């Protein structure tokens, strides 16, 4: 089957991948759009893992103000070069991340950033809940582990579902941008401000 420009355009819009990558994905999958998306997702994640070891010392500080000035977010998003930092795509990513943080109120960037005290407090609460509901001792640890995963997905930015596309996490969103921009991208830090808190 021949690959048309329209098919390439559609795939680019769905994945945010580069034109040549989309063309290759369509060729590799006999123009099956769903398989091409999966092909690009696998390639993007593999590329992102390779690039994650590279230093990201450039970037921008993205901001977002919401609710008539009642909520504000500042987020530092890093990449490898100032060339990428100045692109519209990278700036849109920083803006989307700031907007997401305003809406979802994460407390840290990744699970490794959760303090030992917070983690121990959560584990104790989950264990007590399981004991009080009469669960046997051997099941309590599994329950605690499951609830901790849910906790991480609520409080860690990288593990939250993206507000504009709940089918992907923030980690997936950034991995797609790594694939399309060709550089390592990371969120260094953020601050969320809300009047009265």
C-alpha atoms as a PDB file:
ATOM      1  CA  UNK A   1       0.000   0.000   0.000  1.00  0.00           C
ATOM      2  CA  UNK A   2       1.346   3.443  -0.871  1.00  0.00           C
ATOM      3  CA  UNK A   3       1.922   5.980   1.891  1.00  0.00           C
ATOM      4  CA  UNK A   4       0.202   9.296   1.240  1.00  0.00           C
ATOM      5  CA  UNK A   5       1.104  12.710   2.622  1.00  0.00           C
ATOM      6  CA  UNK A   6      -2.296  12.792   4.325  1.00  0.00           C
ATOM      7  CA  UNK A   7      -1.523   9.577   6.205  1.00  0.00           C
ATOM      8  CA  UNK A   8       1.826  10.957   7.351  1.00  0.00           C
ATOM      9  CA  UNK A   9       0.149  14.195   8.465  1.00  0.00           C
ATOM     10  CA  UNK A  10      -2.535  12.308  10.408  1.00  0.00           C
ATOM     11  CA  UNK A  11       0.073  10.179  12.165  1.00  0.00           C
ATOM     12  CA  UNK A  12       2.157  13.263  13.010  1.00  0.00           C
ATOM     13  CA  UNK A  13      -0.893  14.947  14.534  1.00  0.00           C
ATOM     14  CA  UNK A  14      -1.701  11.874  16.610  1.00  0.00           C
ATOM     15  CA  UNK A  15       1.820  11.245  17.893  1.00  0.00           C
ATOM     16  CA  UNK A  16       3.802  14.473  17.628  1.00  0.00           C
ATOM     17  CA  UNK A  17       6.594  12.513  15.913  1.00  0.00           C
ATOM     18  CA  UNK A  18       8.762  13.800  13.086  1.00  0.00           C
ATOM     19  CA  UNK A  19       7.736  13.448   9.434  1.00  0.00           C
ATOM     20  CA  UNK A  20      10.430  10.907   8.522  1.00  0.00           C
ATOM     21  CA  UNK A  21       9.684   8.799  11.610  1.00  0.00           C
ATOM     22  CA  UNK A  22       5.978   8.757  10.701  1.00  0.00           C
ATOM     23  CA  UNK A  23       6.732   7.763   7.125  1.00  0.00           C
ATOM     24  CA  UNK A  24       9.007   4.941   8.302  1.00  0.00           C
ATOM     25  CA  UNK A  25       6.414   3.732  10.839  1.00  0.00           C
ATOM     26  CA  UNK A  26       3.719   3.577   8.153  1.00  0.00           C
ATOM     27  CA  UNK A  27       6.043   1.632   5.837  1.00  0.00           C
ATOM     28  CA  UNK A  28       7.027  -0.796   8.597  1.00  0.00           C
ATOM     29  CA  UNK A  29       3.376  -1.481   9.488  1.00  0.00           C
ATOM     30  CA  UNK A  30       1.859  -1.630   5.970  1.00  0.00           C
ATOM     31  CA  UNK A  31       0.072   1.695   6.557  1.00  0.00           C
ATOM     32  CA  UNK A  32      -1.887   0.366   9.558  1.00  0.00           C
ATOM     33  CA  UNK A  33      -2.446   3.554  11.590  1.00  0.00           C
ATOM     34  CA  UNK A  34      -2.853   1.841  14.988  1.00  0.00           C
ATOM     35  CA  UNK A  35       0.219  -0.346  14.485  1.00  0.00           C
ATOM     36  CA  UNK A  36       2.170   2.711  13.313  1.00  0.00           C
ATOM     37  CA  UNK A  37       1.211   4.555  16.523  1.00  0.00           C
ATOM     38  CA  UNK A  38       2.401   1.575  18.595  1.00  0.00           C
ATOM     39  CA  UNK A  39       5.613   1.419  16.526  1.00  0.00           C
ATOM     40  CA  UNK A  40       6.325   5.096  17.225  1.00  0.00           C
ATOM     41  CA  UNK A  41       5.470   4.788  20.909  1.00  0.00           C
ATOM     42  CA  UNK A  42       7.922   1.903  21.307  1.00  0.00           C
ATOM     43  CA  UNK A  43      10.587   3.775  19.347  1.00  0.00           C
ATOM     44  CA  UNK A  44       9.937   6.969  21.297  1.00  0.00           C
ATOM     45  CA  UNK A  45      10.271   5.242  24.658  1.00  0.00           C
ATOM     46  CA  UNK A  46      13.455   3.468  23.536  1.00  0.00           C
ATOM     47  CA  UNK A  47      14.897   6.741  22.229  1.00  0.00           C
ATOM     48  CA  UNK A  48      13.870   8.548  25.402  1.00  0.00           C
ATOM     49  CA  UNK A  49      15.651   5.972  27.553  1.00  0.00           C
ATOM     50  CA  UNK A  50      18.846   6.353  25.507  1.00  0.00           C
ATOM     51  CA  UNK A  51      18.666  10.146  25.723  1.00  0.00           C
ATOM     52  CA  UNK A  52      17.852  10.263  29.440  1.00  0.00           C
ATOM     53  CA  UNK A  53      21.547   9.812  30.307  1.00  0.00           C
ATOM     54  CA  UNK A  54      22.502  12.973  28.408  1.00  0.00           C
ATOM     55  CA  UNK A  55      22.858  16.233  30.324  1.00  0.00           C
ATOM     56  CA  UNK A  56      19.979  18.682  30.129  1.00  0.00           C
ATOM     57  CA  UNK A  57      21.444  22.014  31.245  1.00  0.00           C
ATOM     58  CA  UNK A  58      19.396  24.379  29.085  1.00  0.00           C
ATOM     59  CA  UNK A  59      15.670  25.032  29.173  1.00  0.00           C
ATOM     60  CA  UNK A  60      13.085  27.498  30.361  1.00  0.00           C
ATOM     61  CA  UNK A  61      10.967  28.406  33.347  1.00  0.00           C
ATOM     62  CA  UNK A  62       7.325  27.934  32.390  1.00  0.00           C
ATOM     63  CA  UNK A  63       4.508  29.727  34.197  1.00  0.00           C
ATOM     64  CA  UNK A  64       0.746  29.509  34.448  1.00  0.00           C
ATOM     65  CA  UNK A  65      -1.741  31.682  36.344  1.00  0.00           C
ATOM     66  CA  UNK A  66      -5.294  30.400  36.870  1.00  0.00           C
ATOM     67  CA  UNK A  67      -8.593  31.308  38.515  1.00  0.00           C
ATOM     68  CA  UNK A  68      -8.224  35.081  38.266  1.00  0.00           C
ATOM     69  CA  UNK A  69      -4.789  35.075  39.839  1.00  0.00           C
ATOM     70  CA  UNK A  70      -5.678  32.707  42.703  1.00  0.00           C
ATOM     71  CA  UNK A  71      -3.377  29.843  41.571  1.00  0.00           C
ATOM     72  CA  UNK A  72       0.079  30.203  40.046  1.00  0.00           C
ATOM     73  CA  UNK A  73       2.747  27.725  38.952  1.00  0.00           C
ATOM     74  CA  UNK A  74       6.414  28.064  38.065  1.00  0.00           C
ATOM     75  CA  UNK A  75       8.116  24.999  36.541  1.00  0.00           C
ATOM     76  CA  UNK A  76      11.717  24.501  35.388  1.00  0.00           C
ATOM     77  CA  UNK A  77      11.865  22.314  32.276  1.00  0.00           C
ATOM     78  CA  UNK A  78      15.312  21.378  31.001  1.00  0.00           C
ATOM     79  CA  UNK A  79      16.645  20.263  27.623  1.00  0.00           C
ATOM     80  CA  UNK A  80      20.103  19.926  26.073  1.00  0.00           C
ATOM     81  CA  UNK A  81      20.379  23.038  23.889  1.00  0.00           C
ATOM     82  CA  UNK A  82      19.099  26.601  23.891  1.00  0.00           C
ATOM     83  CA  UNK A  83      18.000  26.008  20.281  1.00  0.00           C
ATOM     84  CA  UNK A  84      15.355  23.493  21.447  1.00  0.00           C
ATOM     85  CA  UNK A  85      14.526  25.640  24.493  1.00  0.00           C
ATOM     86  CA  UNK A  86      13.434  28.430  22.124  1.00  0.00           C
ATOM     87  CA  UNK A  87      11.125  26.274  19.983  1.00  0.00           C
ATOM     88  CA  UNK A  88       7.358  26.705  20.136  1.00  0.00           C
ATOM     89  CA  UNK A  89       6.944  22.972  20.830  1.00  0.00           C
ATOM     90  CA  UNK A  90       9.202  23.063  23.904  1.00  0.00           C
ATOM     91  CA  UNK A  91       7.568  26.237  25.205  1.00  0.00           C
ATOM     92  CA  UNK A  92       4.117  24.694  24.738  1.00  0.00           C
ATOM     93  CA  UNK A  93       5.288  21.664  26.734  1.00  0.00           C
ATOM     94  CA  UNK A  94       6.427  23.898  29.616  1.00  0.00           C
ATOM     95  CA  UNK A  95       3.085  25.754  29.532  1.00  0.00           C
ATOM     96  CA  UNK A  96       1.116  22.481  29.513  1.00  0.00           C
ATOM     97  CA  UNK A  97       3.165  21.150  32.427  1.00  0.00           C
ATOM     98  CA  UNK A  98       2.533  24.336  34.436  1.00  0.00           C
ATOM     99  CA  UNK A  99      -1.201  24.138  33.661  1.00  0.00           C
ATOM    100  CA  UNK A 100      -1.261  20.464  34.665  1.00  0.00           C
ATOM    101  CA  UNK A 101       0.496  21.243  37.972  1.00  0.00           C
ATOM    102  CA  UNK A 102      -2.032  24.011  38.682  1.00  0.00           C
ATOM    103  CA  UNK A 103      -4.916  21.580  38.143  1.00  0.00           C
ATOM    104  CA  UNK A 104      -3.532  18.396  39.737  1.00  0.00           C
ATOM    105  CA  UNK A 105      -1.416  19.703  42.648  1.00  0.00           C
ATOM    106  CA  UNK A 106       1.425  17.149  42.639  1.00  0.00           C
ATOM    107  CA  UNK A 107       3.802  17.394  45.602  1.00  0.00           C
ATOM    108  CA  UNK A 108       6.988  16.230  43.854  1.00  0.00           C
ATOM    109  CA  UNK A 109       8.427  15.457  40.413  1.00  0.00           C
ATOM    110  CA  UNK A 110       9.083  11.701  40.791  1.00  0.00           C
ATOM    111  CA  UNK A 111       8.595   8.979  43.387  1.00  0.00           C
ATOM    112  CA  UNK A 112      12.229   9.166  44.505  1.00  0.00           C
ATOM    113  CA  UNK A 113      11.465  12.708  45.704  1.00  0.00           C
ATOM    114  CA  UNK A 114       8.839  11.586  48.253  1.00  0.00           C
ATOM    115  CA  UNK A 115      10.360  11.984  51.709  1.00  0.00           C
ATOM    116  CA  UNK A 116      11.004   8.918  53.858  1.00  0.00           C
ATOM    117  CA  UNK A 117       8.732  10.379  56.575  1.00  0.00           C
ATOM    118  CA  UNK A 118       5.816  10.852  54.135  1.00  0.00           C
ATOM    119  CA  UNK A 119       6.305   7.353  52.753  1.00  0.00           C
ATOM    120  CA  UNK A 120       6.394   5.735  56.212  1.00  0.00           C
ATOM    121  CA  UNK A 121       3.304   7.700  57.290  1.00  0.00           C
ATOM    122  CA  UNK A 122       1.365   6.513  54.215  1.00  0.00           C
ATOM    123  CA  UNK A 123       2.467   2.883  54.731  1.00  0.00           C
ATOM    124  CA  UNK A 124       1.352   2.997  58.369  1.00  0.00           C
ATOM    125  CA  UNK A 125      -2.049   4.445  57.450  1.00  0.00           C
ATOM    126  CA  UNK A 126      -2.634   1.809  54.738  1.00  0.00           C
ATOM    127  CA  UNK A 127      -1.539  -1.036  57.046  1.00  0.00           C
ATOM    128  CA  UNK A 128      -3.850   0.189  59.828  1.00  0.00           C
ATOM    129  CA  UNK A 129      -6.772   0.489  57.387  1.00  0.00           C
ATOM    130  CA  UNK A 130      -6.210  -3.080  56.172  1.00  0.00           C
ATOM    131  CA  UNK A 131      -5.949  -4.447  59.746  1.00  0.00           C
ATOM    132  CA  UNK A 132      -9.118  -2.642  60.852  1.00  0.00           C
ATOM    133  CA  UNK A 133     -11.047  -4.069  57.916  1.00  0.00           C
ATOM    134  CA  UNK A 134     -10.090  -7.566  59.103  1.00  0.00           C
ATOM    135  CA  UNK A 135      -7.655  -8.476  56.336  1.00  0.00           C
ATOM    136  CA  UNK A 136      -5.269 -11.360  57.114  1.00  0.00           C
ATOM    137  CA  UNK A 137      -1.650 -10.442  57.942  1.00  0.00           C
ATOM    138  CA  UNK A 138      -0.242 -12.090  54.783  1.00  0.00           C
ATOM    139  CA  UNK A 139      -2.421  -9.914  52.498  1.00  0.00           C
ATOM    140  CA  UNK A 140      -1.729  -6.603  54.240  1.00  0.00           C
ATOM    141  CA  UNK A 141       1.667  -6.104  52.581  1.00  0.00           C
ATOM    142  CA  UNK A 142       0.141  -6.552  49.102  1.00  0.00           C
ATOM    143  CA  UNK A 143      -2.629  -4.095  49.963  1.00  0.00           C
ATOM    144  CA  UNK A 144      -0.085  -1.538  51.207  1.00  0.00           C
ATOM    145  CA  UNK A 145       1.997  -1.962  48.022  1.00  0.00           C
ATOM    146  CA  UNK A 146      -1.075  -1.469  45.824  1.00  0.00           C
ATOM    147  CA  UNK A 147      -2.174   1.629  47.735  1.00  0.00           C
ATOM    148  CA  UNK A 148       1.351   3.075  47.549  1.00  0.00           C
ATOM    149  CA  UNK A 149       1.240   2.790  43.737  1.00  0.00           C
ATOM    150  CA  UNK A 150      -2.030   4.737  43.778  1.00  0.00           C
ATOM    151  CA  UNK A 151      -0.442   7.289  46.137  1.00  0.00           C
ATOM    152  CA  UNK A 152       2.507   7.782  43.760  1.00  0.00           C
ATOM    153  CA  UNK A 153       0.153   8.265  40.799  1.00  0.00           C
ATOM    154  CA  UNK A 154      -1.662  10.984  42.761  1.00  0.00           C
ATOM    155  CA  UNK A 155       1.298  12.949  44.141  1.00  0.00           C
ATOM    156  CA  UNK A 156       4.197  12.440  41.683  1.00  0.00           C
ATOM    157  CA  UNK A 157       4.030  14.664  38.610  1.00  0.00           C
ATOM    158  CA  UNK A 158       5.686  12.125  36.282  1.00  0.00           C
ATOM    159  CA  UNK A 159       3.135   9.430  37.190  1.00  0.00           C
ATOM    160  CA  UNK A 160      -0.029  11.522  36.957  1.00  0.00           C
ATOM    161  CA  UNK A 161      -2.379  11.186  33.992  1.00  0.00           C
ATOM    162  CA  UNK A 162      -2.030  14.232  31.746  1.00  0.00           C
ATOM    163  CA  UNK A 163      -5.079  16.517  32.108  1.00  0.00           C
ATOM    164  CA  UNK A 164      -5.391  17.046  28.347  1.00  0.00           C
ATOM    165  CA  UNK A 165      -5.100  13.308  27.498  1.00  0.00           C
ATOM    166  CA  UNK A 166      -5.849  10.898  30.348  1.00  0.00           C
ATOM    167  CA  UNK A 167      -4.562   7.947  28.268  1.00  0.00           C
ATOM    168  CA  UNK A 168      -0.978   9.085  28.864  1.00  0.00           C
ATOM    169  CA  UNK A 169       1.063  10.031  31.906  1.00  0.00           C
ATOM    170  CA  UNK A 170       3.313  13.080  32.173  1.00  0.00           C
ATOM    171  CA  UNK A 171       6.235  10.659  31.742  1.00  0.00           C
ATOM    172  CA  UNK A 172       4.725   9.508  28.420  1.00  0.00           C
ATOM    173  CA  UNK A 173       4.107  13.108  27.336  1.00  0.00           C
ATOM    174  CA  UNK A 174       7.740  14.025  27.952  1.00  0.00           C
ATOM    175  CA  UNK A 175       8.962  10.821  26.247  1.00  0.00           C
ATOM    176  CA  UNK A 176       6.991  11.820  23.120  1.00  0.00           C
ATOM    177  CA  UNK A 177       8.604  15.263  23.162  1.00  0.00           C
ATOM    178  CA  UNK A 178      12.052  13.659  23.567  1.00  0.00           C
ATOM    179  CA  UNK A 179      11.286  11.602  20.457  1.00  0.00           C
ATOM    180  CA  UNK A 180      10.030  14.543  18.401  1.00  0.00           C
ATOM    181  CA  UNK A 181      12.608  17.131  19.537  1.00  0.00           C
ATOM    182  CA  UNK A 182      15.547  14.724  19.653  1.00  0.00           C
ATOM    183  CA  UNK A 183      16.878  15.817  23.049  1.00  0.00           C
ATOM    184  CA  UNK A 184      16.713  14.706  26.652  1.00  0.00           C
ATOM    185  CA  UNK A 185      13.993  16.652  28.490  1.00  0.00           C
ATOM    186  CA  UNK A 186      13.427  16.702  32.235  1.00  0.00           C
ATOM    187  CA  UNK A 187      11.409  18.561  34.829  1.00  0.00           C
ATOM    188  CA  UNK A 188      13.866  19.839  37.417  1.00  0.00           C
ATOM    189  CA  UNK A 189      11.505  21.474  39.913  1.00  0.00           C
ATOM    190  CA  UNK A 190       8.227  23.319  40.344  1.00  0.00           C
ATOM    191  CA  UNK A 191       6.367  25.509  42.806  1.00  0.00           C
ATOM    192  CA  UNK A 192       2.601  25.824  43.044  1.00  0.00           C
ATOM    193  CA  UNK A 193       1.055  28.797  44.820  1.00  0.00           C
ATOM    194  CA  UNK A 194      -2.565  29.144  45.870  1.00  0.00           C
ATOM    195  CA  UNK A 195      -4.153  32.019  47.712  1.00  0.00           C
ATOM    196  CA  UNK A 196      -5.052  30.983  51.257  1.00  0.00           C
ATOM    197  CA  UNK A 197      -2.727  27.968  51.397  1.00  0.00           C
END
